[in-house]
Amino acid sequence: MSTRASIRITEGDGQILLYHHCDGYPEGVGAEIKEFLNSMDTRYGWYAERIASGLATMKTTYGTYPYQCAICLHGDEEYVYVIDCDKETLTCYSHEWDESFEQCCIPERICEIP
């Protein structure tokens, strides 16, 4: 089974959501996002659209695009990554489905990735 992840990119009151189907753990997707953010030209700050566009157009060695646009959390993710453009931070959360409320929740921050 794949380790799924969502990426929430926030800027001001807005957000952009991306979904990644496999290798969603911090050593996989987390490291990839960190590397992408570190390689980005940030002289003028972090911009959600630019980050989302960059991630969505990244190709794997197989020629596929692993980051897909999403309109909500799928509910089957094990990790949610929050890229806060205002604070310029990347944070990883564990994710689980709360059956009693029939909603997604993010109960625990795992780590902040500097």
N, C-alpha and C. Protein backbone atom coordinates (compact mmCIF):
# COMPACT_ATOMS: atom_id res chain seq x y z
N MET A 1 0.84 -1.18 0.00
CA MET A 1 0.00 0.00 0.00
C MET A 1 0.88 1.24 0.00
N SER A 2 0.46 2.23 -0.73
CA SER A 2 1.22 3.48 -0.84
C SER A 2 1.04 4.35 0.39
N THR A 3 2.06 5.14 0.69
CA THR A 3 1.98 6.12 1.77
C THR A 3 1.61 7.45 1.15
N ARG A 4 0.36 7.84 1.33
CA ARG A 4 -0.16 9.05 0.67
C ARG A 4 0.08 10.29 1.52
N ALA A 5 0.10 11.44 0.84
CA ALA A 5 0.33 12.71 1.55
C ALA A 5 -0.40 13.84 0.83
N SER A 6 -0.79 14.81 1.61
CA SER A 6 -1.33 16.06 1.06
C SER A 6 -0.37 17.18 1.40
N ILE A 7 -0.31 18.15 0.52
CA ILE A 7 0.53 19.31 0.74
C ILE A 7 -0.39 20.52 0.73
N ARG A 8 -0.43 21.24 1.83
CA ARG A 8 -1.26 22.44 1.96
C ARG A 8 -0.32 23.63 1.92
N ILE A 9 -0.48 24.47 0.91
CA ILE A 9 0.35 25.65 0.76
C ILE A 9 -0.51 26.85 1.12
N THR A 10 -0.15 27.55 2.19
CA THR A 10 -0.97 28.67 2.65
C THR A 10 -0.25 29.99 2.42
N GLU A 11 -1.04 30.99 2.09
CA GLU A 11 -0.51 32.35 1.94
C GLU A 11 -1.67 33.30 2.27
N GLY A 12 -1.50 34.08 3.33
CA GLY A 12 -2.60 34.94 3.77
C GLY A 12 -3.79 34.08 4.16
N ASP A 13 -4.95 34.40 3.62
CA ASP A 13 -6.17 33.63 3.89
C ASP A 13 -6.39 32.51 2.89
N GLY A 14 -5.55 32.43 1.87
CA GLY A 14 -5.74 31.44 0.83
C GLY A 14 -4.91 30.19 1.02
N GLN A 15 -5.29 29.14 0.30
CA GLN A 15 -4.51 27.91 0.34
C GLN A 15 -4.63 27.18 -0.98
N ILE A 16 -3.61 26.41 -1.28
CA ILE A 16 -3.60 25.53 -2.45
C ILE A 16 -3.29 24.14 -1.92
N LEU A 17 -4.02 23.15 -2.39
CA LEU A 17 -3.81 21.77 -1.96
C LEU A 17 -3.25 20.93 -3.09
N LEU A 18 -2.26 20.11 -2.75
CA LEU A 18 -1.71 19.13 -3.68
C LEU A 18 -1.80 17.76 -3.02
N TYR A 19 -1.81 16.72 -3.83
CA TYR A 19 -1.89 15.34 -3.34
C TYR A 19 -0.73 14.55 -3.94
N HIS A 20 -0.13 13.70 -3.13
CA HIS A 20 0.97 12.84 -3.58
C HIS A 20 0.62 11.42 -3.17
N HIS A 21 0.61 10.50 -4.13
CA HIS A 21 0.07 9.16 -3.91
C HIS A 21 1.00 8.19 -3.18
N CYS A 22 2.31 8.36 -3.31
CA CYS A 22 3.21 7.38 -2.67
C CYS A 22 4.46 8.06 -2.11
N ASP A 23 5.15 7.34 -1.23
CA ASP A 23 6.37 7.84 -0.58
C ASP A 23 6.11 9.12 0.21
N GLY A 24 4.95 9.22 0.85
CA GLY A 24 4.55 10.43 1.54
C GLY A 24 5.22 10.68 2.88
N TYR A 25 6.00 9.75 3.35
CA TYR A 25 6.66 9.88 4.66
C TYR A 25 7.71 11.00 4.63
N PRO A 26 8.10 11.50 5.82
CA PRO A 26 9.04 12.64 5.87
C PRO A 26 10.36 12.40 5.13
N GLU A 27 10.84 11.18 5.12
CA GLU A 27 12.10 10.90 4.43
C GLU A 27 11.92 10.88 2.91
N GLY A 28 10.68 10.79 2.44
CA GLY A 28 10.40 10.78 1.00
C GLY A 28 9.94 12.15 0.54
N VAL A 29 8.62 12.36 0.60
CA VAL A 29 8.03 13.63 0.16
C VAL A 29 8.57 14.80 0.98
N GLY A 30 8.69 14.62 2.30
CA GLY A 30 9.20 15.71 3.15
C GLY A 30 10.57 16.19 2.70
N ALA A 31 11.46 15.25 2.44
CA ALA A 31 12.81 15.60 1.98
C ALA A 31 12.77 16.24 0.60
N GLU A 32 11.88 15.74 -0.27
CA GLU A 32 11.78 16.29 -1.61
C GLU A 32 11.27 17.73 -1.59
N ILE A 33 10.26 17.99 -0.77
CA ILE A 33 9.74 19.35 -0.66
C ILE A 33 10.79 20.28 -0.06
N LYS A 34 11.48 19.80 0.97
CA LYS A 34 12.53 20.61 1.60
C LYS A 34 13.60 20.97 0.58
N GLU A 35 14.03 19.99 -0.20
CA GLU A 35 15.05 20.24 -1.23
C GLU A 35 14.53 21.25 -2.26
N PHE A 36 13.28 21.09 -2.67
CA PHE A 36 12.69 22.03 -3.63
C PHE A 36 12.66 23.45 -3.06
N LEU A 37 12.21 23.60 -1.81
CA LEU A 37 12.14 24.93 -1.19
C LEU A 37 13.53 25.55 -1.03
N ASN A 38 14.52 24.72 -0.68
CA ASN A 38 15.88 25.23 -0.53
C ASN A 38 16.50 25.65 -1.87
N SER A 39 16.04 25.04 -2.96
CA SER A 39 16.60 25.37 -4.26
C SER A 39 15.86 26.54 -4.93
N MET A 40 14.75 26.94 -4.36
CA MET A 40 13.93 28.01 -4.92
C MET A 40 14.59 29.37 -4.73
N ASP A 41 14.41 30.23 -5.69
CA ASP A 41 14.88 31.61 -5.56
C ASP A 41 13.90 32.35 -4.66
N THR A 42 14.30 32.65 -3.45
CA THR A 42 13.39 33.27 -2.47
C THR A 42 13.76 34.73 -2.18
N ARG A 43 14.47 35.35 -3.08
CA ARG A 43 14.85 36.75 -2.85
C ARG A 43 13.64 37.64 -2.63
N TYR A 44 12.54 37.31 -3.27
CA TYR A 44 11.34 38.14 -3.17
C TYR A 44 10.27 37.50 -2.30
N GLY A 45 10.62 36.48 -1.55
CA GLY A 45 9.66 35.81 -0.66
C GLY A 45 9.11 34.52 -1.24
N TRP A 46 8.26 33.91 -0.45
CA TRP A 46 7.62 32.65 -0.85
C TRP A 46 6.23 32.98 -1.36
N TYR A 47 5.85 32.45 -2.50
CA TYR A 47 4.53 32.67 -3.09
C TYR A 47 3.88 31.32 -3.36
N ALA A 48 2.67 31.17 -2.85
CA ALA A 48 1.96 29.89 -2.93
C ALA A 48 1.81 29.39 -4.36
N GLU A 49 1.41 30.25 -5.26
CA GLU A 49 1.21 29.83 -6.66
C GLU A 49 2.51 29.36 -7.29
N ARG A 50 3.59 30.04 -6.98
CA ARG A 50 4.89 29.65 -7.55
C ARG A 50 5.36 28.31 -6.99
N ILE A 51 5.17 28.11 -5.69
CA ILE A 51 5.56 26.84 -5.08
C ILE A 51 4.70 25.71 -5.62
N ALA A 52 3.38 25.91 -5.66
CA ALA A 52 2.47 24.87 -6.17
C ALA A 52 2.79 24.54 -7.63
N SER A 53 3.03 25.56 -8.42
CA SER A 53 3.36 25.36 -9.84
C SER A 53 4.66 24.57 -9.98
N GLY A 54 5.64 24.92 -9.18
CA GLY A 54 6.92 24.21 -9.25
C GLY A 54 6.80 22.75 -8.87
N LEU A 55 6.05 22.46 -7.80
CA LEU A 55 5.86 21.07 -7.37
C LEU A 55 5.03 20.30 -8.39
N ALA A 56 3.97 20.92 -8.91
CA ALA A 56 3.07 20.23 -9.84
C ALA A 56 3.73 19.92 -11.17
N THR A 57 4.79 20.63 -11.52
CA THR A 57 5.45 20.38 -12.80
C THR A 57 6.76 19.60 -12.66
N MET A 58 7.06 19.15 -11.43
CA MET A 58 8.26 18.32 -11.24
C MET A 58 8.02 16.94 -11.82
N LYS A 59 8.95 16.44 -12.59
CA LYS A 59 8.85 15.09 -13.15
C LYS A 59 9.71 14.12 -12.35
N THR A 60 9.22 12.89 -12.24
CA THR A 60 10.04 11.84 -11.65
C THR A 60 10.96 11.29 -12.72
N THR A 61 11.82 10.38 -12.33
CA THR A 61 12.71 9.75 -13.32
C THR A 61 11.90 8.92 -14.31
N TYR A 62 10.65 8.57 -13.97
CA TYR A 62 9.79 7.79 -14.87
C TYR A 62 8.97 8.69 -15.79
N GLY A 63 9.13 10.01 -15.67
CA GLY A 63 8.42 10.93 -16.53
C GLY A 63 7.01 11.27 -16.05
N THR A 64 6.68 10.91 -14.82
CA THR A 64 5.35 11.20 -14.29
C THR A 64 5.39 12.45 -13.41
N TYR A 65 4.23 13.01 -13.16
CA TYR A 65 4.09 14.18 -12.30
C TYR A 65 3.41 13.74 -11.01
N PRO A 66 4.17 13.54 -9.93
CA PRO A 66 3.58 12.95 -8.72
C PRO A 66 2.72 13.90 -7.88
N TYR A 67 2.85 15.21 -8.05
CA TYR A 67 2.05 16.14 -7.27
C TYR A 67 0.84 16.57 -8.10
N GLN A 68 -0.34 16.24 -7.60
CA GLN A 68 -1.57 16.54 -8.32
C GLN A 68 -2.37 17.58 -7.55
N CYS A 69 -3.05 18.46 -8.28
CA CYS A 69 -3.92 19.44 -7.64
C CYS A 69 -5.08 18.72 -6.97
N ALA A 70 -5.51 19.24 -5.83
CA ALA A 70 -6.62 18.65 -5.09
C ALA A 70 -7.54 19.76 -4.61
N ILE A 71 -8.80 19.39 -4.34
CA ILE A 71 -9.75 20.38 -3.84
C ILE A 71 -10.04 20.18 -2.36
N CYS A 72 -9.60 19.04 -1.81
CA CYS A 72 -9.79 18.79 -0.38
C CYS A 72 -8.84 17.68 0.05
N LEU A 73 -8.74 17.44 1.36
CA LEU A 73 -7.98 16.29 1.83
C LEU A 73 -8.73 15.04 1.39
N HIS A 74 -8.03 14.03 0.93
CA HIS A 74 -8.67 12.80 0.46
C HIS A 74 -9.22 11.98 1.61
N GLY A 75 -8.54 12.02 2.74
CA GLY A 75 -8.97 11.23 3.89
C GLY A 75 -8.12 9.99 4.10
N ASP A 76 -7.34 9.60 3.09
CA ASP A 76 -6.51 8.40 3.25
C ASP A 76 -5.02 8.72 3.37
N GLU A 77 -4.71 10.00 3.59
CA GLU A 77 -3.32 10.40 3.72
C GLU A 77 -2.79 9.99 5.08
N GLU A 78 -1.52 9.67 5.11
CA GLU A 78 -0.87 9.43 6.39
C GLU A 78 -0.15 10.68 6.88
N TYR A 79 0.20 11.56 5.96
CA TYR A 79 0.92 12.78 6.32
C TYR A 79 0.32 13.98 5.59
N VAL A 80 0.33 15.11 6.29
CA VAL A 80 -0.04 16.37 5.68
C VAL A 80 1.13 17.33 5.90
N TYR A 81 1.60 17.92 4.82
CA TYR A 81 2.69 18.90 4.89
C TYR A 81 2.07 20.28 4.70
N VAL A 82 2.43 21.19 5.58
CA VAL A 82 1.93 22.55 5.48
C VAL A 82 3.11 23.46 5.17
N ILE A 83 3.04 24.10 4.01
CA ILE A 83 4.02 25.10 3.62
C ILE A 83 3.36 26.44 3.90
N ASP A 84 3.86 27.15 4.89
CA ASP A 84 3.31 28.45 5.27
C ASP A 84 4.18 29.52 4.63
N CYS A 85 3.65 30.15 3.58
CA CYS A 85 4.43 31.15 2.85
C CYS A 85 4.66 32.42 3.66
N ASP A 86 3.74 32.75 4.56
CA ASP A 86 3.91 33.94 5.38
C ASP A 86 5.04 33.78 6.40
N LYS A 87 5.13 32.57 6.99
CA LYS A 87 6.17 32.30 7.99
C LYS A 87 7.40 31.66 7.37
N GLU A 88 7.29 31.26 6.09
CA GLU A 88 8.36 30.56 5.38
C GLU A 88 8.80 29.30 6.13
N THR A 89 7.79 28.45 6.44
CA THR A 89 8.07 27.21 7.15
C THR A 89 7.42 26.03 6.43
N LEU A 90 7.98 24.86 6.68
CA LEU A 90 7.43 23.59 6.22
C LEU A 90 7.24 22.73 7.46
N THR A 91 6.01 22.28 7.69
CA THR A 91 5.71 21.47 8.87
C THR A 91 5.02 20.19 8.43
N CYS A 92 5.36 19.09 9.07
CA CYS A 92 4.78 17.78 8.76
C CYS A 92 3.84 17.38 9.90
N TYR A 93 2.63 16.91 9.55
CA TYR A 93 1.66 16.44 10.52
C TYR A 93 1.26 15.01 10.19
N SER A 94 0.97 14.22 11.23
CA SER A 94 0.34 12.92 10.98
C SER A 94 -1.12 13.21 10.70
N HIS A 95 -1.79 12.29 10.04
CA HIS A 95 -3.17 12.55 9.63
C HIS A 95 -3.98 11.29 9.87
N GLU A 96 -5.20 11.48 10.33
CA GLU A 96 -6.07 10.32 10.50
C GLU A 96 -7.51 10.75 10.27
N TRP A 97 -8.37 9.77 10.05
CA TRP A 97 -9.79 10.02 9.80
C TRP A 97 -10.55 9.80 11.09
N ASP A 98 -11.35 10.75 11.49
CA ASP A 98 -12.14 10.64 12.71
C ASP A 98 -13.53 10.16 12.33
N GLU A 99 -13.78 8.85 12.52
CA GLU A 99 -15.05 8.25 12.13
C GLU A 99 -16.24 8.87 12.87
N SER A 100 -16.05 9.24 14.13
CA SER A 100 -17.16 9.75 14.92
C SER A 100 -17.67 11.10 14.39
N PHE A 101 -16.78 11.88 13.82
CA PHE A 101 -17.18 13.18 13.28
C PHE A 101 -17.25 13.16 11.76
N GLU A 102 -16.84 12.04 11.15
CA GLU A 102 -16.80 11.91 9.70
C GLU A 102 -16.06 13.07 9.05
N GLN A 103 -14.88 13.35 9.59
CA GLN A 103 -14.08 14.43 9.03
C GLN A 103 -12.60 14.11 9.18
N CYS A 104 -11.82 14.79 8.41
CA CYS A 104 -10.37 14.64 8.51
C CYS A 104 -9.87 15.50 9.65
N CYS A 105 -8.88 15.01 10.36
CA CYS A 105 -8.29 15.83 11.40
C CYS A 105 -6.78 15.68 11.34
N ILE A 106 -6.10 16.67 11.82
CA ILE A 106 -4.65 16.65 11.86
C ILE A 106 -4.27 16.74 13.33
N PRO A 107 -4.14 15.60 14.02
CA PRO A 107 -4.01 15.62 15.46
C PRO A 107 -2.63 15.93 16.00
N GLU A 108 -1.61 15.74 15.24
CA GLU A 108 -0.28 15.78 15.85
C GLU A 108 0.76 16.32 14.89
N ARG A 109 1.52 17.30 15.34
CA ARG A 109 2.62 17.81 14.54
C ARG A 109 3.79 16.88 14.74
N ILE A 110 4.34 16.39 13.68
CA ILE A 110 5.48 15.48 13.77
C ILE A 110 6.77 16.25 13.85
N CYS A 111 6.96 17.17 12.93
CA CYS A 111 8.23 17.90 12.93
C CYS A 111 8.12 19.16 12.10
N GLU A 112 8.94 20.10 12.43
CA GLU A 112 9.12 21.27 11.57
C GLU A 112 10.41 21.02 10.82
N ILE A 113 10.36 21.21 9.52
CA ILE A 113 11.52 20.91 8.69
C ILE A 113 12.17 22.23 8.32
N PRO A 114 13.29 22.55 8.94
CA PRO A 114 13.92 23.86 8.69
C PRO A 114 14.50 23.96 7.29
